């Protein structure tokens, strides 16, 4: 009986130590940006971009409008927001970036989290991308991807 109590106390102390040492994270609000493509003349390879002006955004992305409901590219107000963009390497697989999460750690870093799904091979190559707008209050935070 005494050994069980000691084990419980030790487990509780370990749990408290682990939670106090971990970096807390808070969710950051964002809005997904739709209907833009990664330009052919933009840098190759995987990218995590922080874009703070329209001119800077236009160096990497072009509008991809199409007919029908929700066919217009998302309007971005760079006076209020900036853009975080994740660009994956070129592939012939139909790749989707999904489950996007943006968190801010207690040390001020922003973490862009996501998952991907790969579909069937295609007869052409794509550069899978995801863009989000975030309030400028987070603009000076260090950015990392997970």
Foldseek 3Di string as FASTA:
>chain_A
DVVVVVVVVVVVVVVVVVVVPDWDKDFFDKAWKDAKAFDPPDDAAKDWDKFQDPVSVVNTIDGRADDDPPRGTDDDDSVWKIKIKTKHHKDQWPKEWDPWTWIATPVLAIETETDMDTHDGHPDIGTHMIMIIGTCVSVPHHYYYD
